[in-house]
């Protein structure tokens, strides 16, 4: 698939700068574990894939929460972020791909839980359906979406750039796109309680049998 304008930005210097602003730090671990404990609760799954993982901090939180019992996978389009992801020492990544959501080399229904966190907001509206179609295709049981919310689709200036951040009701977008998707839960990550999650909304979905 041809690169989108947004993908070109994230693959280049702009994406590298984002990766440089992120770092593993012990103080973040408890916050991250509490977030995923709240979202996933008693959900049972053996494999997870983060689409747009950057350096892998969310996967670190989940690995520590589940004490290494789940298989970790990642998709990351920026080369330098991908290198940091695959050379860090905080957890073992089972499979990692330096690619975008549009060309994931994974079989259908091959991962129990597929999720994004602050990624769909950076995909242009004209390409969003193709992105979630791929996420839906790869997911076997669950899809988790953690993104900014807006009642109506809106573009927001992001670090002085236009065309890089788009808010909407992503939960409704998923349900309208996939009638065989069932929502299990949703919530809000208040920055006062979870300072590294920046007032994000989340939606947890389950694929109905046979999807």
N, C-alpha and C. Protein backbone atom coordinates (compact mmCIF):
# COMPACT_ATOMS: atom_id res chain seq x y z
N UNK A 1 0.84 -1.20 0.00
CA UNK A 1 0.00 0.00 0.00
C UNK A 1 0.88 1.25 0.00
N UNK A 2 0.55 2.30 -0.80
CA UNK A 2 1.32 3.54 -0.79
C UNK A 2 1.34 4.17 0.60
N UNK A 3 2.45 4.84 0.93
CA UNK A 3 2.55 5.50 2.22
C UNK A 3 1.60 6.69 2.27
N UNK A 4 1.00 6.90 3.42
CA UNK A 4 0.13 8.05 3.62
C UNK A 4 0.99 9.22 4.10
N UNK A 5 0.49 10.46 4.00
CA UNK A 5 1.27 11.60 4.51
C UNK A 5 1.59 11.46 6.00
N UNK A 6 0.64 10.94 6.76
CA UNK A 6 0.88 10.77 8.20
C UNK A 6 1.96 9.72 8.45
N UNK A 7 1.90 8.62 7.72
CA UNK A 7 2.89 7.55 7.92
C UNK A 7 4.29 8.04 7.58
N UNK A 8 4.42 8.82 6.52
CA UNK A 8 5.73 9.36 6.15
C UNK A 8 6.32 10.19 7.28
N UNK A 9 5.48 10.98 7.94
CA UNK A 9 5.94 11.80 9.06
C UNK A 9 6.43 10.93 10.21
N UNK A 10 5.66 9.89 10.54
CA UNK A 10 6.01 9.05 11.68
C UNK A 10 7.22 8.16 11.38
N UNK A 11 7.45 7.86 10.13
CA UNK A 11 8.62 7.07 9.76
C UNK A 11 9.90 7.90 9.76
N UNK A 12 9.77 9.21 9.69
CA UNK A 12 10.92 10.09 9.57
C UNK A 12 11.35 10.73 10.88
N UNK A 13 11.95 11.91 10.76
CA UNK A 13 12.50 12.61 11.93
C UNK A 13 11.43 12.91 12.98
N UNK A 14 10.23 13.24 12.54
CA UNK A 14 9.15 13.55 13.47
C UNK A 14 8.88 12.36 14.40
N UNK A 15 8.83 11.17 13.82
CA UNK A 15 8.62 9.96 14.62
C UNK A 15 9.81 9.64 15.51
N UNK A 16 11.01 9.91 15.02
CA UNK A 16 12.21 9.67 15.84
C UNK A 16 12.22 10.59 17.05
N UNK A 17 11.82 11.83 16.87
CA UNK A 17 11.76 12.76 17.99
C UNK A 17 10.75 12.31 19.04
N UNK A 18 9.64 11.75 18.58
CA UNK A 18 8.65 11.22 19.52
C UNK A 18 9.25 10.09 20.35
N UNK A 19 9.95 9.19 19.68
CA UNK A 19 10.58 8.07 20.39
C UNK A 19 11.60 8.55 21.41
N UNK A 20 12.33 9.60 21.07
CA UNK A 20 13.34 10.14 21.98
C UNK A 20 12.71 10.76 23.22
N UNK A 21 11.47 11.24 23.10
CA UNK A 21 10.79 11.83 24.25
C UNK A 21 10.26 10.77 25.22
N UNK A 22 10.30 9.52 24.81
CA UNK A 22 9.80 8.44 25.65
C UNK A 22 10.96 7.67 26.27
N UNK A 23 10.76 7.21 27.47
CA UNK A 23 11.79 6.43 28.14
C UNK A 23 11.15 5.51 29.18
N UNK A 24 11.78 4.37 29.39
CA UNK A 24 11.36 3.48 30.46
C UNK A 24 11.80 4.10 31.78
N UNK A 25 10.90 4.12 32.75
CA UNK A 25 11.22 4.66 34.08
C UNK A 25 10.39 3.91 35.10
N UNK A 26 11.02 3.59 36.22
CA UNK A 26 10.34 2.79 37.24
C UNK A 26 9.05 3.42 37.73
N UNK A 27 9.01 4.76 37.83
CA UNK A 27 7.81 5.41 38.37
C UNK A 27 6.60 5.23 37.45
N UNK A 28 6.84 4.95 36.18
CA UNK A 28 5.73 4.76 35.25
C UNK A 28 5.09 3.37 35.37
N UNK A 29 5.83 2.42 35.90
CA UNK A 29 5.38 1.04 35.89
C UNK A 29 4.09 0.83 36.68
N UNK A 30 4.01 1.37 37.88
CA UNK A 30 2.80 1.18 38.69
C UNK A 30 1.59 1.81 38.01
N UNK A 31 1.78 2.97 37.40
CA UNK A 31 0.68 3.64 36.70
C UNK A 31 0.19 2.78 35.54
N UNK A 32 1.13 2.30 34.74
CA UNK A 32 0.76 1.48 33.60
C UNK A 32 0.07 0.18 34.00
N UNK A 33 0.55 -0.46 35.04
CA UNK A 33 -0.06 -1.71 35.51
C UNK A 33 -1.49 -1.45 36.00
N UNK A 34 -1.69 -0.34 36.70
CA UNK A 34 -3.03 -0.03 37.19
C UNK A 34 -4.00 0.23 36.03
N UNK A 35 -3.51 0.89 35.00
CA UNK A 35 -4.35 1.16 33.83
C UNK A 35 -4.80 -0.14 33.17
N UNK A 36 -3.87 -1.03 32.89
CA UNK A 36 -4.24 -2.26 32.18
C UNK A 36 -4.95 -3.25 33.09
N UNK A 37 -4.71 -3.17 34.39
CA UNK A 37 -5.49 -4.00 35.32
C UNK A 37 -6.96 -3.55 35.30
N UNK A 38 -7.19 -2.26 35.26
CA UNK A 38 -8.54 -1.73 35.23
C UNK A 38 -9.23 -2.10 33.92
N UNK A 39 -8.53 -1.99 32.80
CA UNK A 39 -9.14 -2.24 31.50
C UNK A 39 -9.38 -3.72 31.25
N UNK A 40 -8.38 -4.54 31.54
CA UNK A 40 -8.44 -5.95 31.16
C UNK A 40 -9.06 -6.84 32.23
N UNK A 41 -9.00 -6.43 33.47
CA UNK A 41 -9.64 -7.14 34.58
C UNK A 41 -9.35 -8.64 34.51
N UNK A 42 -10.40 -9.46 34.39
CA UNK A 42 -10.22 -10.91 34.40
C UNK A 42 -10.17 -11.51 33.00
N UNK A 43 -9.91 -10.68 32.00
CA UNK A 43 -9.83 -11.17 30.63
C UNK A 43 -8.73 -12.22 30.50
N UNK A 44 -9.01 -13.28 29.77
CA UNK A 44 -8.03 -14.33 29.57
C UNK A 44 -7.57 -14.33 28.12
N UNK A 45 -6.28 -14.24 27.93
CA UNK A 45 -5.70 -14.27 26.59
C UNK A 45 -4.23 -14.67 26.71
N UNK A 46 -3.72 -15.25 25.63
CA UNK A 46 -2.34 -15.73 25.67
C UNK A 46 -1.38 -14.94 24.81
N UNK A 47 -1.91 -14.10 23.91
CA UNK A 47 -1.05 -13.32 23.03
C UNK A 47 -1.63 -11.93 22.84
N UNK A 48 -0.74 -10.95 22.68
CA UNK A 48 -1.16 -9.57 22.50
C UNK A 48 -0.28 -8.93 21.43
N UNK A 49 -0.87 -8.05 20.64
CA UNK A 49 -0.14 -7.29 19.63
C UNK A 49 -0.48 -5.82 19.79
N UNK A 50 0.54 -4.99 19.99
CA UNK A 50 0.32 -3.56 19.99
C UNK A 50 0.68 -3.01 18.62
N UNK A 51 -0.26 -2.34 18.00
CA UNK A 51 -0.06 -1.72 16.69
C UNK A 51 0.35 -0.27 16.92
N UNK A 52 1.56 0.08 16.53
CA UNK A 52 2.10 1.39 16.82
C UNK A 52 2.67 1.43 18.22
N UNK A 53 3.56 0.49 18.49
CA UNK A 53 4.06 0.29 19.86
C UNK A 53 5.10 1.29 20.31
N UNK A 54 5.69 2.03 19.37
CA UNK A 54 6.83 2.88 19.68
C UNK A 54 7.91 2.04 20.37
N UNK A 55 8.42 2.46 21.51
CA UNK A 55 9.52 1.71 22.14
C UNK A 55 9.03 0.55 23.00
N UNK A 56 7.71 0.39 23.13
CA UNK A 56 7.17 -0.78 23.81
C UNK A 56 6.77 -0.61 25.26
N UNK A 57 6.52 0.62 25.69
CA UNK A 57 6.22 0.83 27.10
C UNK A 57 4.92 0.15 27.54
N UNK A 58 3.89 0.23 26.71
CA UNK A 58 2.63 -0.42 27.08
C UNK A 58 2.79 -1.94 27.19
N UNK A 59 3.60 -2.49 26.31
CA UNK A 59 3.86 -3.93 26.38
C UNK A 59 4.63 -4.27 27.65
N UNK A 60 5.50 -3.40 28.08
CA UNK A 60 6.21 -3.60 29.35
C UNK A 60 5.23 -3.63 30.51
N UNK A 61 4.28 -2.69 30.52
CA UNK A 61 3.27 -2.67 31.58
C UNK A 61 2.50 -3.99 31.60
N UNK A 62 2.08 -4.44 30.44
CA UNK A 62 1.28 -5.66 30.36
C UNK A 62 2.11 -6.88 30.72
N UNK A 63 3.35 -6.90 30.32
CA UNK A 63 4.23 -8.02 30.66
C UNK A 63 4.41 -8.14 32.17
N UNK A 64 4.60 -7.00 32.82
CA UNK A 64 4.79 -7.01 34.27
C UNK A 64 3.48 -7.34 34.98
N UNK A 65 2.37 -6.86 34.46
CA UNK A 65 1.07 -7.14 35.07
C UNK A 65 0.75 -8.64 35.02
N UNK A 66 1.03 -9.27 33.89
CA UNK A 66 0.72 -10.69 33.71
C UNK A 66 1.92 -11.58 33.98
N UNK A 67 2.97 -10.98 34.53
CA UNK A 67 4.16 -11.72 34.99
C UNK A 67 4.74 -12.63 33.92
N UNK A 68 4.81 -12.09 32.70
CA UNK A 68 5.45 -12.82 31.62
C UNK A 68 4.66 -13.98 31.05
N UNK A 69 3.37 -14.10 31.39
CA UNK A 69 2.58 -15.25 30.95
C UNK A 69 1.96 -15.08 29.57
N UNK A 70 2.07 -13.89 28.98
CA UNK A 70 1.48 -13.66 27.67
C UNK A 70 2.58 -13.43 26.63
N UNK A 71 2.28 -13.81 25.41
CA UNK A 71 3.20 -13.64 24.29
C UNK A 71 3.03 -12.22 23.75
N UNK A 72 4.14 -11.49 23.67
CA UNK A 72 4.10 -10.09 23.28
C UNK A 72 4.47 -9.91 21.81
N UNK A 73 3.70 -9.10 21.09
CA UNK A 73 3.99 -8.78 19.71
C UNK A 73 3.84 -7.29 19.47
N UNK A 74 4.55 -6.77 18.46
CA UNK A 74 4.54 -5.34 18.21
C UNK A 74 4.66 -5.04 16.73
N UNK A 75 3.99 -3.97 16.32
CA UNK A 75 4.12 -3.40 14.99
C UNK A 75 4.51 -1.94 15.17
N UNK A 76 5.63 -1.53 14.55
CA UNK A 76 6.10 -0.16 14.70
C UNK A 76 6.76 0.30 13.40
N UNK A 77 6.24 1.39 12.79
CA UNK A 77 6.76 1.82 11.49
C UNK A 77 8.06 2.62 11.54
N UNK A 78 8.36 3.26 12.67
CA UNK A 78 9.58 4.07 12.74
C UNK A 78 10.79 3.19 13.05
N UNK A 79 11.81 3.28 12.24
CA UNK A 79 12.95 2.37 12.37
C UNK A 79 13.69 2.53 13.69
N UNK A 80 13.94 3.76 14.11
CA UNK A 80 14.69 3.95 15.35
C UNK A 80 13.89 3.51 16.57
N UNK A 81 12.59 3.78 16.58
CA UNK A 81 11.75 3.30 17.68
C UNK A 81 11.73 1.78 17.69
N UNK A 82 11.66 1.19 16.50
CA UNK A 82 11.67 -0.27 16.38
C UNK A 82 12.97 -0.85 16.92
N UNK A 83 14.09 -0.22 16.65
CA UNK A 83 15.38 -0.70 17.15
C UNK A 83 15.44 -0.63 18.67
N UNK A 84 14.90 0.44 19.25
CA UNK A 84 14.86 0.53 20.70
C UNK A 84 13.94 -0.54 21.28
N UNK A 85 12.82 -0.75 20.63
CA UNK A 85 11.87 -1.77 21.07
C UNK A 85 12.52 -3.15 21.12
N UNK A 86 13.25 -3.49 20.09
CA UNK A 86 13.77 -4.85 19.95
C UNK A 86 15.12 -5.05 20.64
N UNK A 87 15.69 -4.00 21.22
CA UNK A 87 16.97 -4.15 21.93
C UNK A 87 16.86 -3.83 23.42
N UNK A 88 15.67 -3.42 23.87
CA UNK A 88 15.52 -3.12 25.30
C UNK A 88 15.61 -4.40 26.13
N UNK A 89 15.76 -4.24 27.43
CA UNK A 89 15.97 -5.39 28.32
C UNK A 89 14.82 -5.59 29.30
N UNK A 90 13.73 -4.86 29.14
CA UNK A 90 12.65 -4.91 30.11
C UNK A 90 11.72 -6.10 29.92
N UNK A 91 11.65 -6.63 28.70
CA UNK A 91 10.82 -7.80 28.45
C UNK A 91 11.23 -8.42 27.13
N UNK A 92 10.75 -9.62 26.88
CA UNK A 92 11.07 -10.33 25.65
C UNK A 92 9.91 -10.19 24.68
N UNK A 93 10.18 -9.60 23.51
CA UNK A 93 9.17 -9.49 22.46
C UNK A 93 9.24 -10.74 21.59
N UNK A 94 8.13 -11.44 21.47
CA UNK A 94 8.11 -12.69 20.70
C UNK A 94 8.16 -12.44 19.20
N UNK A 95 7.42 -11.44 18.75
CA UNK A 95 7.43 -11.10 17.34
C UNK A 95 7.23 -9.60 17.18
N UNK A 96 8.09 -9.00 16.35
CA UNK A 96 8.03 -7.56 16.13
C UNK A 96 8.25 -7.28 14.65
N UNK A 97 7.50 -6.30 14.14
CA UNK A 97 7.52 -6.01 12.71
C UNK A 97 7.71 -4.51 12.49
N UNK A 98 8.72 -4.17 11.73
CA UNK A 98 8.99 -2.78 11.37
C UNK A 98 8.13 -2.43 10.14
N UNK A 99 6.85 -2.23 10.39
CA UNK A 99 5.90 -1.95 9.31
C UNK A 99 4.75 -1.14 9.89
N UNK A 100 3.78 -0.84 9.05
CA UNK A 100 2.61 -0.09 9.51
C UNK A 100 1.41 -1.01 9.66
N UNK A 101 0.33 -0.47 10.17
CA UNK A 101 -0.92 -1.22 10.32
C UNK A 101 -1.44 -1.68 8.97
N UNK A 102 -1.06 -1.00 7.90
CA UNK A 102 -1.59 -1.32 6.58
C UNK A 102 -0.97 -2.56 5.94
N UNK A 103 0.17 -2.99 6.45
CA UNK A 103 0.84 -4.14 5.82
C UNK A 103 1.40 -5.12 6.85
N UNK A 104 0.60 -5.45 7.84
CA UNK A 104 1.04 -6.38 8.87
C UNK A 104 1.13 -7.80 8.30
N UNK A 105 2.30 -8.43 8.41
CA UNK A 105 2.49 -9.78 7.84
C UNK A 105 2.04 -10.87 8.80
N UNK A 106 0.78 -10.80 9.19
CA UNK A 106 0.23 -11.74 10.17
C UNK A 106 -1.00 -12.43 9.60
N UNK A 107 -1.19 -13.70 9.92
CA UNK A 107 -2.38 -14.41 9.44
C UNK A 107 -3.66 -13.88 10.07
N UNK A 108 -4.78 -14.20 9.46
CA UNK A 108 -6.07 -13.83 10.01
C UNK A 108 -6.27 -14.47 11.39
N UNK A 109 -6.88 -13.73 12.29
CA UNK A 109 -7.26 -14.24 13.62
C UNK A 109 -6.10 -14.97 14.30
N UNK A 110 -4.93 -14.34 14.29
CA UNK A 110 -3.73 -15.00 14.82
C UNK A 110 -3.31 -14.50 16.20
N UNK A 111 -3.89 -13.39 16.68
CA UNK A 111 -3.51 -12.80 17.96
C UNK A 111 -4.75 -12.65 18.83
N UNK A 112 -4.68 -13.08 20.08
CA UNK A 112 -5.85 -13.02 20.96
C UNK A 112 -6.36 -11.59 21.17
N UNK A 113 -5.44 -10.67 21.48
CA UNK A 113 -5.79 -9.29 21.77
C UNK A 113 -4.92 -8.35 20.95
N UNK A 114 -5.55 -7.51 20.15
CA UNK A 114 -4.83 -6.51 19.36
C UNK A 114 -5.28 -5.13 19.85
N UNK A 115 -4.31 -4.22 20.06
CA UNK A 115 -4.70 -2.91 20.58
C UNK A 115 -3.84 -1.78 20.02
N UNK A 116 -4.43 -0.58 20.10
CA UNK A 116 -3.72 0.66 19.80
C UNK A 116 -3.87 1.58 20.99
N UNK A 117 -2.88 2.45 21.16
CA UNK A 117 -2.95 3.47 22.20
C UNK A 117 -2.37 4.76 21.62
N UNK A 118 -3.24 5.71 21.31
CA UNK A 118 -2.79 6.95 20.72
C UNK A 118 -2.22 6.76 19.33
N UNK A 119 -2.83 5.91 18.53
CA UNK A 119 -2.34 5.61 17.17
C UNK A 119 -3.39 5.94 16.12
N UNK A 120 -4.63 5.50 16.33
CA UNK A 120 -5.68 5.78 15.35
C UNK A 120 -5.91 7.27 15.17
N UNK A 121 -5.64 8.05 16.20
CA UNK A 121 -5.80 9.50 16.10
C UNK A 121 -4.84 10.11 15.08
N UNK A 122 -3.76 9.40 14.75
CA UNK A 122 -2.77 9.92 13.81
C UNK A 122 -2.93 9.33 12.41
N UNK A 123 -4.04 8.68 12.16
CA UNK A 123 -4.33 8.13 10.84
C UNK A 123 -5.40 9.00 10.17
N UNK A 124 -5.14 9.41 8.94
CA UNK A 124 -6.08 10.27 8.25
C UNK A 124 -7.44 9.63 8.09
N UNK A 125 -8.50 10.42 8.10
CA UNK A 125 -9.86 9.88 7.99
C UNK A 125 -10.07 9.00 6.77
N UNK A 126 -9.43 9.31 5.66
CA UNK A 126 -9.60 8.52 4.45
C UNK A 126 -8.96 7.14 4.54
N UNK A 127 -8.05 6.96 5.51
CA UNK A 127 -7.34 5.69 5.65
C UNK A 127 -7.75 4.90 6.88
N UNK A 128 -8.65 5.48 7.69
CA UNK A 128 -8.98 4.86 8.97
C UNK A 128 -9.68 3.52 8.80
N UNK A 129 -10.57 3.41 7.83
CA UNK A 129 -11.27 2.14 7.64
C UNK A 129 -10.29 1.02 7.32
N UNK A 130 -9.32 1.30 6.46
CA UNK A 130 -8.34 0.27 6.10
C UNK A 130 -7.50 -0.14 7.31
N UNK A 131 -7.23 0.82 8.20
CA UNK A 131 -6.44 0.52 9.40
C UNK A 131 -7.21 -0.41 10.34
N UNK A 132 -8.46 -0.07 10.64
CA UNK A 132 -9.22 -0.90 11.58
C UNK A 132 -9.60 -2.24 10.94
N UNK A 133 -9.73 -2.27 9.62
CA UNK A 133 -9.99 -3.55 8.95
C UNK A 133 -8.84 -4.52 9.20
N UNK A 134 -7.62 -4.02 9.16
CA UNK A 134 -6.46 -4.88 9.40
C UNK A 134 -6.39 -5.32 10.87
N UNK A 135 -6.70 -4.42 11.77
CA UNK A 135 -6.73 -4.78 13.19
C UNK A 135 -7.77 -5.86 13.44
N UNK A 136 -8.95 -5.66 12.88
CA UNK A 136 -10.03 -6.65 13.02
C UNK A 136 -9.61 -7.99 12.41
N UNK A 137 -8.96 -7.95 11.27
CA UNK A 137 -8.54 -9.18 10.59
C UNK A 137 -7.57 -10.00 11.44
N UNK A 138 -6.62 -9.35 12.06
CA UNK A 138 -5.56 -10.04 12.81
C UNK A 138 -6.05 -10.52 14.18
N UNK A 139 -7.00 -9.80 14.77
CA UNK A 139 -7.48 -10.14 16.12
C UNK A 139 -8.28 -11.43 16.12
N UNK A 140 -8.00 -12.29 17.09
CA UNK A 140 -8.75 -13.53 17.24
C UNK A 140 -9.94 -13.37 18.17
N UNK A 141 -9.73 -12.65 19.29
CA UNK A 141 -10.79 -12.59 20.31
C UNK A 141 -11.15 -11.17 20.72
N UNK A 142 -10.15 -10.32 20.95
CA UNK A 142 -10.41 -9.01 21.54
C UNK A 142 -9.69 -7.90 20.78
N UNK A 143 -10.30 -6.72 20.82
CA UNK A 143 -9.70 -5.49 20.30
C UNK A 143 -9.82 -4.43 21.38
N UNK A 144 -8.72 -3.76 21.66
CA UNK A 144 -8.70 -2.67 22.63
C UNK A 144 -8.27 -1.40 21.90
N UNK A 145 -9.04 -0.35 22.09
CA UNK A 145 -8.81 0.93 21.44
C UNK A 145 -8.66 2.00 22.52
N UNK A 146 -7.48 2.64 22.60
CA UNK A 146 -7.23 3.70 23.58
C UNK A 146 -6.85 4.96 22.80
N UNK A 147 -7.77 5.91 22.71
CA UNK A 147 -7.57 7.06 21.85
C UNK A 147 -8.28 8.29 22.42
N UNK A 148 -7.99 9.46 21.87
CA UNK A 148 -8.72 10.67 22.24
C UNK A 148 -10.15 10.61 21.69
N UNK A 149 -11.07 11.22 22.42
CA UNK A 149 -12.49 11.19 22.06
C UNK A 149 -12.99 12.56 21.61
N UNK A 150 -13.90 12.54 20.64
CA UNK A 150 -14.68 13.72 20.28
C UNK A 150 -16.04 13.22 19.79
N UNK A 151 -17.12 13.95 20.15
CA UNK A 151 -18.45 13.54 19.71
C UNK A 151 -18.55 13.53 18.19
N UNK A 152 -17.92 14.50 17.55
CA UNK A 152 -17.90 14.58 16.09
C UNK A 152 -16.45 14.56 15.62
N UNK A 153 -16.18 13.99 14.44
CA UNK A 153 -14.80 13.98 13.94
C UNK A 153 -14.25 15.40 13.83
N UNK A 154 -13.03 15.59 14.32
CA UNK A 154 -12.42 16.91 14.30
C UNK A 154 -10.90 16.76 14.16
N UNK A 155 -10.30 17.67 13.43
CA UNK A 155 -8.84 17.70 13.32
C UNK A 155 -8.29 18.71 14.30
N UNK A 156 -7.17 18.36 14.95
CA UNK A 156 -6.53 19.22 15.95
C UNK A 156 -5.08 19.45 15.55
N UNK A 157 -4.61 20.67 15.69
CA UNK A 157 -3.20 20.96 15.44
C UNK A 157 -2.34 20.16 16.42
N UNK A 158 -1.30 19.51 15.90
CA UNK A 158 -0.46 18.66 16.74
C UNK A 158 0.99 19.08 16.60
N UNK A 159 1.55 19.63 17.67
CA UNK A 159 2.94 20.11 17.68
C UNK A 159 3.23 21.01 16.47
N UNK A 160 2.28 21.91 16.20
CA UNK A 160 2.44 22.89 15.14
C UNK A 160 2.14 22.38 13.74
N UNK A 161 1.69 21.13 13.62
CA UNK A 161 1.43 20.53 12.31
C UNK A 161 -0.06 20.31 12.10
N UNK A 162 -0.49 20.45 10.86
CA UNK A 162 -1.85 20.10 10.47
C UNK A 162 -1.84 18.71 9.83
N UNK A 163 -2.98 18.05 9.88
CA UNK A 163 -3.11 16.75 9.22
C UNK A 163 -2.47 15.60 9.95
N UNK A 164 -2.24 15.76 11.27
CA UNK A 164 -1.56 14.70 12.02
C UNK A 164 -2.36 14.19 13.22
N UNK A 165 -3.45 14.84 13.59
CA UNK A 165 -4.22 14.38 14.75
C UNK A 165 -5.71 14.58 14.50
N UNK A 166 -6.45 13.49 14.62
CA UNK A 166 -7.88 13.50 14.33
C UNK A 166 -8.63 12.79 15.46
N UNK A 167 -9.54 13.50 16.10
CA UNK A 167 -10.34 12.92 17.17
C UNK A 167 -11.72 12.53 16.65
N UNK A 168 -12.32 11.53 17.28
CA UNK A 168 -13.69 11.12 16.97
C UNK A 168 -14.14 10.13 18.04
N UNK A 169 -15.34 9.63 17.91
CA UNK A 169 -15.83 8.54 18.76
C UNK A 169 -15.36 7.23 18.12
N UNK A 170 -14.19 6.79 18.50
CA UNK A 170 -13.62 5.58 17.90
C UNK A 170 -14.40 4.33 18.28
N UNK A 171 -15.02 4.34 19.45
CA UNK A 171 -15.85 3.20 19.84
C UNK A 171 -17.01 3.00 18.90
N UNK A 172 -17.70 4.09 18.60
CA UNK A 172 -18.82 4.02 17.66
C UNK A 172 -18.34 3.67 16.26
N UNK A 173 -17.15 4.16 15.91
CA UNK A 173 -16.60 3.86 14.58
C UNK A 173 -16.38 2.36 14.42
N UNK A 174 -15.82 1.72 15.43
CA UNK A 174 -15.62 0.27 15.38
C UNK A 174 -16.95 -0.47 15.27
N UNK A 175 -17.89 -0.11 16.11
CA UNK A 175 -19.17 -0.83 16.12
C UNK A 175 -19.95 -0.64 14.82
N UNK A 176 -19.88 0.56 14.25
CA UNK A 176 -20.56 0.80 12.98
C UNK A 176 -19.89 0.05 11.84
N UNK A 177 -18.58 -0.11 11.94
CA UNK A 177 -17.83 -0.79 10.89
C UNK A 177 -17.99 -2.30 10.96
N UNK A 178 -18.09 -2.82 12.18
CA UNK A 178 -18.11 -4.27 12.37
C UNK A 178 -19.33 -4.68 13.20
N UNK A 179 -20.43 -5.02 12.58
CA UNK A 179 -21.65 -5.41 13.30
C UNK A 179 -21.45 -6.64 14.20
N UNK A 180 -20.48 -7.48 13.88
CA UNK A 180 -20.24 -8.68 14.69
C UNK A 180 -19.26 -8.45 15.83
N UNK A 181 -19.02 -7.18 16.13
CA UNK A 181 -18.15 -6.83 17.26
C UNK A 181 -19.03 -6.43 18.44
N UNK A 182 -18.69 -6.94 19.61
CA UNK A 182 -19.46 -6.65 20.83
C UNK A 182 -18.60 -5.84 21.78
N UNK A 183 -19.13 -4.74 22.30
CA UNK A 183 -18.35 -3.99 23.27
C UNK A 183 -18.51 -4.61 24.65
N UNK A 184 -17.40 -4.75 25.35
CA UNK A 184 -17.39 -5.32 26.69
C UNK A 184 -17.34 -4.24 27.77
N UNK A 185 -16.59 -3.18 27.50
CA UNK A 185 -16.43 -2.14 28.51
C UNK A 185 -15.81 -0.91 27.86
N UNK A 186 -15.85 0.20 28.59
CA UNK A 186 -15.22 1.43 28.12
C UNK A 186 -14.94 2.30 29.32
N UNK A 187 -14.09 3.30 29.15
CA UNK A 187 -13.78 4.16 30.27
C UNK A 187 -12.90 5.33 29.87
N UNK A 188 -12.45 6.06 30.88
CA UNK A 188 -11.68 7.28 30.68
C UNK A 188 -10.46 7.24 31.59
N UNK A 189 -9.31 7.56 31.05
CA UNK A 189 -8.06 7.58 31.81
C UNK A 189 -7.74 9.03 32.17
N UNK A 190 -8.23 9.43 33.32
CA UNK A 190 -8.06 10.81 33.78
C UNK A 190 -6.59 11.07 34.06
N UNK A 191 -6.06 12.14 33.49
CA UNK A 191 -4.64 12.43 33.62
C UNK A 191 -4.23 12.70 35.06
N UNK A 192 -5.14 13.17 35.87
CA UNK A 192 -4.81 13.41 37.28
C UNK A 192 -4.45 12.11 37.99
N UNK A 193 -5.14 11.03 37.61
CA UNK A 193 -4.85 9.72 38.21
C UNK A 193 -3.76 8.97 37.46
N UNK A 194 -3.78 9.11 36.13
CA UNK A 194 -2.83 8.37 35.28
C UNK A 194 -2.06 9.37 34.42
N UNK A 195 -1.06 10.07 34.97
CA UNK A 195 -0.43 11.21 34.28
C UNK A 195 0.25 10.89 32.96
N UNK A 196 0.57 9.64 32.69
CA UNK A 196 1.25 9.35 31.42
C UNK A 196 0.26 8.96 30.33
N UNK A 197 -1.05 8.99 30.61
CA UNK A 197 -2.03 8.58 29.62
C UNK A 197 -2.88 9.73 29.08
N UNK A 198 -2.72 10.94 29.57
CA UNK A 198 -3.17 12.15 28.88
C UNK A 198 -4.66 12.17 28.51
N UNK A 199 -5.52 11.84 29.48
CA UNK A 199 -6.98 11.97 29.28
C UNK A 199 -7.49 11.22 28.05
N UNK A 200 -7.13 9.97 27.96
CA UNK A 200 -7.56 9.13 26.84
C UNK A 200 -8.81 8.34 27.20
N UNK A 201 -9.64 8.09 26.22
CA UNK A 201 -10.77 7.17 26.38
C UNK A 201 -10.37 5.78 25.88
N UNK A 202 -11.03 4.75 26.39
CA UNK A 202 -10.73 3.41 25.91
C UNK A 202 -12.02 2.61 25.71
N UNK A 203 -11.95 1.68 24.76
CA UNK A 203 -13.07 0.79 24.45
C UNK A 203 -12.51 -0.62 24.28
N UNK A 204 -13.15 -1.59 24.89
CA UNK A 204 -12.75 -2.99 24.79
C UNK A 204 -13.85 -3.77 24.08
N UNK A 205 -13.48 -4.46 23.01
CA UNK A 205 -14.43 -5.19 22.19
C UNK A 205 -14.08 -6.68 22.13
N UNK A 206 -15.10 -7.48 21.88
CA UNK A 206 -14.91 -8.91 21.67
C UNK A 206 -15.48 -9.29 20.30
N UNK A 207 -14.71 -10.10 19.57
CA UNK A 207 -15.21 -10.60 18.30
C UNK A 207 -16.17 -11.75 18.58
N UNK A 208 -17.33 -11.72 17.96
CA UNK A 208 -18.28 -12.79 18.14
C UNK A 208 -17.78 -14.05 17.41
N UNK A 209 -18.12 -15.22 17.88
CA UNK A 209 -17.66 -16.47 17.25
C UNK A 209 -17.96 -16.50 15.76
N UNK A 210 -16.97 -16.97 15.00
CA UNK A 210 -17.13 -17.08 13.57
C UNK A 210 -16.73 -15.87 12.78
N UNK A 211 -16.31 -14.78 13.48
CA UNK A 211 -15.91 -13.56 12.77
C UNK A 211 -14.49 -13.69 12.22
